[in-house]
Amino acid sequence: MAKVATLITNMFEDVEFTSPAKALKDVGHEVFTIEKEAGKEVTGKQGKTNVKIDYSIDEVKPEDFDALFIPGGFSPDILRADDRFVQFAKAFMDAKKPVFAICHGPQLLITAKTLEGRDTTGYKSIQVDLENAGAIFHDEEVFVCQNQLVTSRTPDDLPAFNREIVKLLAK
């Protein structure tokens, strides 16, 4: 089964982490959390979810994982200020490994300059950012691009997002 790296920090959208992580784990995949500091706890923006960080970004390499998951909320915007997270995300896109980003998750991919010509969706407030990054925006609950990149807009889209990330890793 797949090892899924999750880039996450404080202010993530609670259910945009918990729901996909559960969907992945329910079919046997391993989900690992990565932040600046291993062992610390980060808290979702709703204050309902605390997540213990498995690895520091300095302890991992993209080659150690089969897929990348980027939950939404404010977490992606915070993480993209740190080049280590940007380069980590870019490596997955460049290697054509599966990447799953919901809501504001694509912000890391925008900063990594990996969306030129890619079909995506995301939260409405980042639509212009996606288009300025060269992405082709689709206002749909989920969009799968080139059998690699799975994006969704909001927590309401989680059933479709979870279905597609599980389906992609089953291939």
Protein backbone atom coordinates (compact mmCIF):
# COMPACT_ATOMS: atom_id res chain seq x y z
CA MET A 1 0.00 0.00 0.00
CA ALA A 2 1.01 3.62 -0.51
CA LYS A 3 2.91 5.86 1.88
CA VAL A 4 1.23 9.28 1.73
CA ALA A 5 3.12 12.39 2.86
CA THR A 6 0.88 15.10 4.32
CA LEU A 7 2.15 18.67 4.51
CA ILE A 8 0.28 20.28 7.39
CA THR A 9 0.61 22.94 10.07
CA ASN A 10 -1.67 24.91 12.39
CA MET A 11 -4.89 26.36 10.99
CA PHE A 12 -5.57 23.48 8.57
CA GLU A 13 -9.25 22.90 7.80
CA ASP A 14 -10.06 20.10 10.28
CA VAL A 15 -12.31 17.90 8.14
CA GLU A 16 -10.14 18.42 5.04
CA PHE A 17 -7.45 16.47 6.87
CA THR A 18 -9.47 14.00 8.92
CA SER A 19 -11.85 12.82 6.19
CA PRO A 20 -9.27 12.08 3.44
CA ALA A 21 -6.81 10.62 5.98
CA LYS A 22 -9.51 8.24 7.19
CA ALA A 23 -10.49 7.31 3.61
CA LEU A 24 -6.86 6.50 2.80
CA LYS A 25 -6.24 4.55 6.01
CA ASP A 26 -9.52 2.62 5.63
CA VAL A 27 -8.18 1.01 2.44
CA GLY A 28 -4.74 0.29 3.93
CA HIS A 29 -2.60 3.29 2.98
CA GLU A 30 -0.28 4.92 5.50
CA VAL A 31 -0.64 8.65 6.11
CA PHE A 32 2.35 10.54 7.55
CA THR A 33 2.27 14.15 8.73
CA ILE A 34 5.15 16.52 8.01
CA GLU A 35 5.75 19.97 9.48
CA LYS A 36 8.73 22.00 10.69
CA GLU A 37 9.04 20.01 13.92
CA ALA A 38 8.45 16.30 14.53
CA GLY A 39 6.48 15.32 17.62
CA LYS A 40 4.63 18.59 18.07
CA GLU A 41 0.86 18.91 17.79
CA VAL A 42 -0.83 21.18 15.29
CA THR A 43 -4.43 22.34 15.63
CA GLY A 44 -7.10 22.76 12.98
CA LYS A 45 -8.69 26.15 12.48
CA GLN A 46 -12.01 24.88 13.85
CA GLY A 47 -10.18 23.86 17.03
CA LYS A 48 -11.69 20.37 16.88
CA THR A 49 -8.68 18.43 15.62
CA ASN A 50 -5.16 18.08 16.97
CA VAL A 51 -2.65 16.22 14.82
CA LYS A 52 0.70 14.90 16.05
CA ILE A 53 3.47 15.51 13.53
CA ASP A 54 5.33 12.38 12.46
CA TYR A 55 8.32 13.97 10.73
CA SER A 56 10.19 17.23 10.40
CA ILE A 57 10.54 18.42 6.80
CA ASP A 58 14.31 18.06 7.32
CA GLU A 59 13.95 14.32 8.08
CA VAL A 60 12.16 13.29 4.88
CA LYS A 61 12.70 13.10 1.14
CA PRO A 62 10.00 12.95 -1.54
CA GLU A 63 11.47 9.61 -2.66
CA ASP A 64 10.38 8.13 0.70
CA PHE A 65 6.69 8.49 -0.27
CA ASP A 66 4.31 7.37 -3.00
CA ALA A 67 1.89 10.33 -2.89
CA LEU A 68 1.43 13.82 -1.45
CA PHE A 69 -1.66 15.17 0.34
CA ILE A 70 -2.18 18.88 1.05
CA PRO A 71 -5.24 19.70 3.18
CA GLY A 72 -6.75 23.18 2.95
CA GLY A 73 -7.39 25.94 5.44
CA PHE A 74 -4.64 28.46 6.19
CA SER A 75 -1.99 25.73 6.52
CA PRO A 76 -0.88 25.72 2.84
CA ASP A 77 -0.44 29.50 2.84
CA ILE A 78 1.69 29.30 5.99
CA LEU A 79 3.79 26.43 4.63
CA ARG A 80 4.45 28.01 1.24
CA ALA A 81 6.48 30.75 2.92
CA ASP A 82 9.11 28.05 3.63
CA ASP A 83 11.03 26.92 0.54
CA ARG A 84 11.59 23.43 1.99
CA PHE A 85 7.85 22.68 1.74
CA VAL A 86 7.61 24.26 -1.71
CA GLN A 87 10.49 22.16 -3.03
CA PHE A 88 9.03 19.01 -1.42
CA ALA A 89 5.70 19.59 -3.21
CA LYS A 90 7.44 20.46 -6.48
CA ALA A 91 9.37 17.19 -6.41
CA PHE A 92 6.11 15.19 -6.41
CA MET A 93 4.72 17.16 -9.34
CA ASP A 94 7.99 16.88 -11.30
CA ALA A 95 8.17 13.12 -10.66
CA LYS A 96 4.50 12.74 -11.72
CA LYS A 97 3.63 11.12 -8.38
CA PRO A 98 0.02 11.44 -7.16
CA VAL A 99 -0.76 14.78 -5.50
CA PHE A 100 -4.03 15.48 -3.65
CA ALA A 101 -4.91 19.09 -2.80
CA ILE A 102 -8.23 20.40 -1.50
CA CYS A 103 -9.55 23.92 -0.97
CA HIS A 104 -6.48 26.17 -0.42
CA GLY A 105 -4.09 23.20 -0.80
CA PRO A 106 -3.12 24.19 -4.37
CA GLN A 107 -1.45 27.33 -2.96
CA LEU A 108 1.69 25.27 -2.32
CA LEU A 109 1.61 24.08 -5.95
CA ILE A 110 1.13 27.66 -7.19
CA THR A 111 4.24 28.76 -5.28
CA ALA A 112 6.10 25.71 -6.63
CA LYS A 113 5.21 26.89 -10.16
CA THR A 114 3.91 23.44 -11.14
CA LEU A 115 0.41 24.21 -12.44
CA GLU A 116 1.10 25.67 -15.90
CA GLY A 117 -1.35 24.00 -18.32
CA ARG A 118 -2.83 21.79 -15.58
CA ASP A 119 -6.55 21.30 -15.06
CA THR A 120 -7.47 22.10 -11.46
CA THR A 121 -10.12 23.27 -9.09
CA GLY A 122 -9.85 24.86 -5.67
CA TYR A 123 -11.53 27.26 -3.30
CA LYS A 124 -13.17 30.19 -5.11
CA SER A 125 -10.85 32.76 -3.50
CA ILE A 126 -7.78 31.17 -5.15
CA GLN A 127 -9.34 30.82 -8.63
CA VAL A 128 -7.55 33.91 -9.95
CA ASP A 129 -4.28 32.75 -8.35
CA LEU A 130 -4.64 29.37 -10.08
CA GLU A 131 -5.35 31.02 -13.41
CA ASN A 132 -2.42 33.43 -12.97
CA ALA A 133 -0.23 30.37 -12.32
CA GLY A 134 -1.28 29.01 -15.72
CA ALA A 135 -3.78 26.45 -14.46
CA ILE A 136 -7.06 25.81 -16.24
CA PHE A 137 -9.71 26.28 -13.56
CA HIS A 138 -12.82 24.08 -13.42
CA ASP A 139 -15.63 24.87 -10.98
CA GLU A 140 -16.33 21.20 -10.24
CA GLU A 141 -16.43 19.15 -7.03
CA VAL A 142 -13.32 17.22 -8.02
CA PHE A 143 -10.92 17.30 -10.95
CA VAL A 144 -8.35 14.66 -11.84
CA CYS A 145 -5.59 15.91 -14.14
CA GLN A 146 -3.33 13.55 -16.09
CA ASN A 147 -4.03 10.70 -13.69
CA GLN A 148 -1.78 12.47 -11.15
CA LEU A 149 -3.26 15.63 -9.64
CA VAL A 150 -6.58 15.46 -7.73
CA THR A 151 -8.08 18.76 -6.57
CA SER A 152 -11.37 19.77 -4.91
CA ARG A 153 -12.99 23.03 -3.78
CA THR A 154 -14.48 22.77 -0.28
CA PRO A 155 -15.43 20.37 2.53
CA ASP A 156 -18.72 19.77 0.69
CA ASP A 157 -16.67 18.07 -2.05
CA LEU A 158 -14.97 15.59 0.30
CA PRO A 159 -16.99 12.51 -0.78
CA ALA A 160 -15.90 13.03 -4.42
CA PHE A 161 -12.33 13.98 -3.42
CA ASN A 162 -11.96 10.91 -1.18
CA ARG A 163 -13.40 8.63 -3.88
CA GLU A 164 -10.92 9.89 -6.49
CA ILE A 165 -7.79 9.81 -4.29
CA VAL A 166 -8.55 6.24 -3.24
CA LYS A 167 -9.28 5.27 -6.85
CA LEU A 168 -6.05 6.84 -8.12
CA LEU A 169 -3.92 4.98 -5.56
CA ALA A 170 -5.66 1.69 -6.41
CA LYS A 171 -4.19 1.82 -9.93
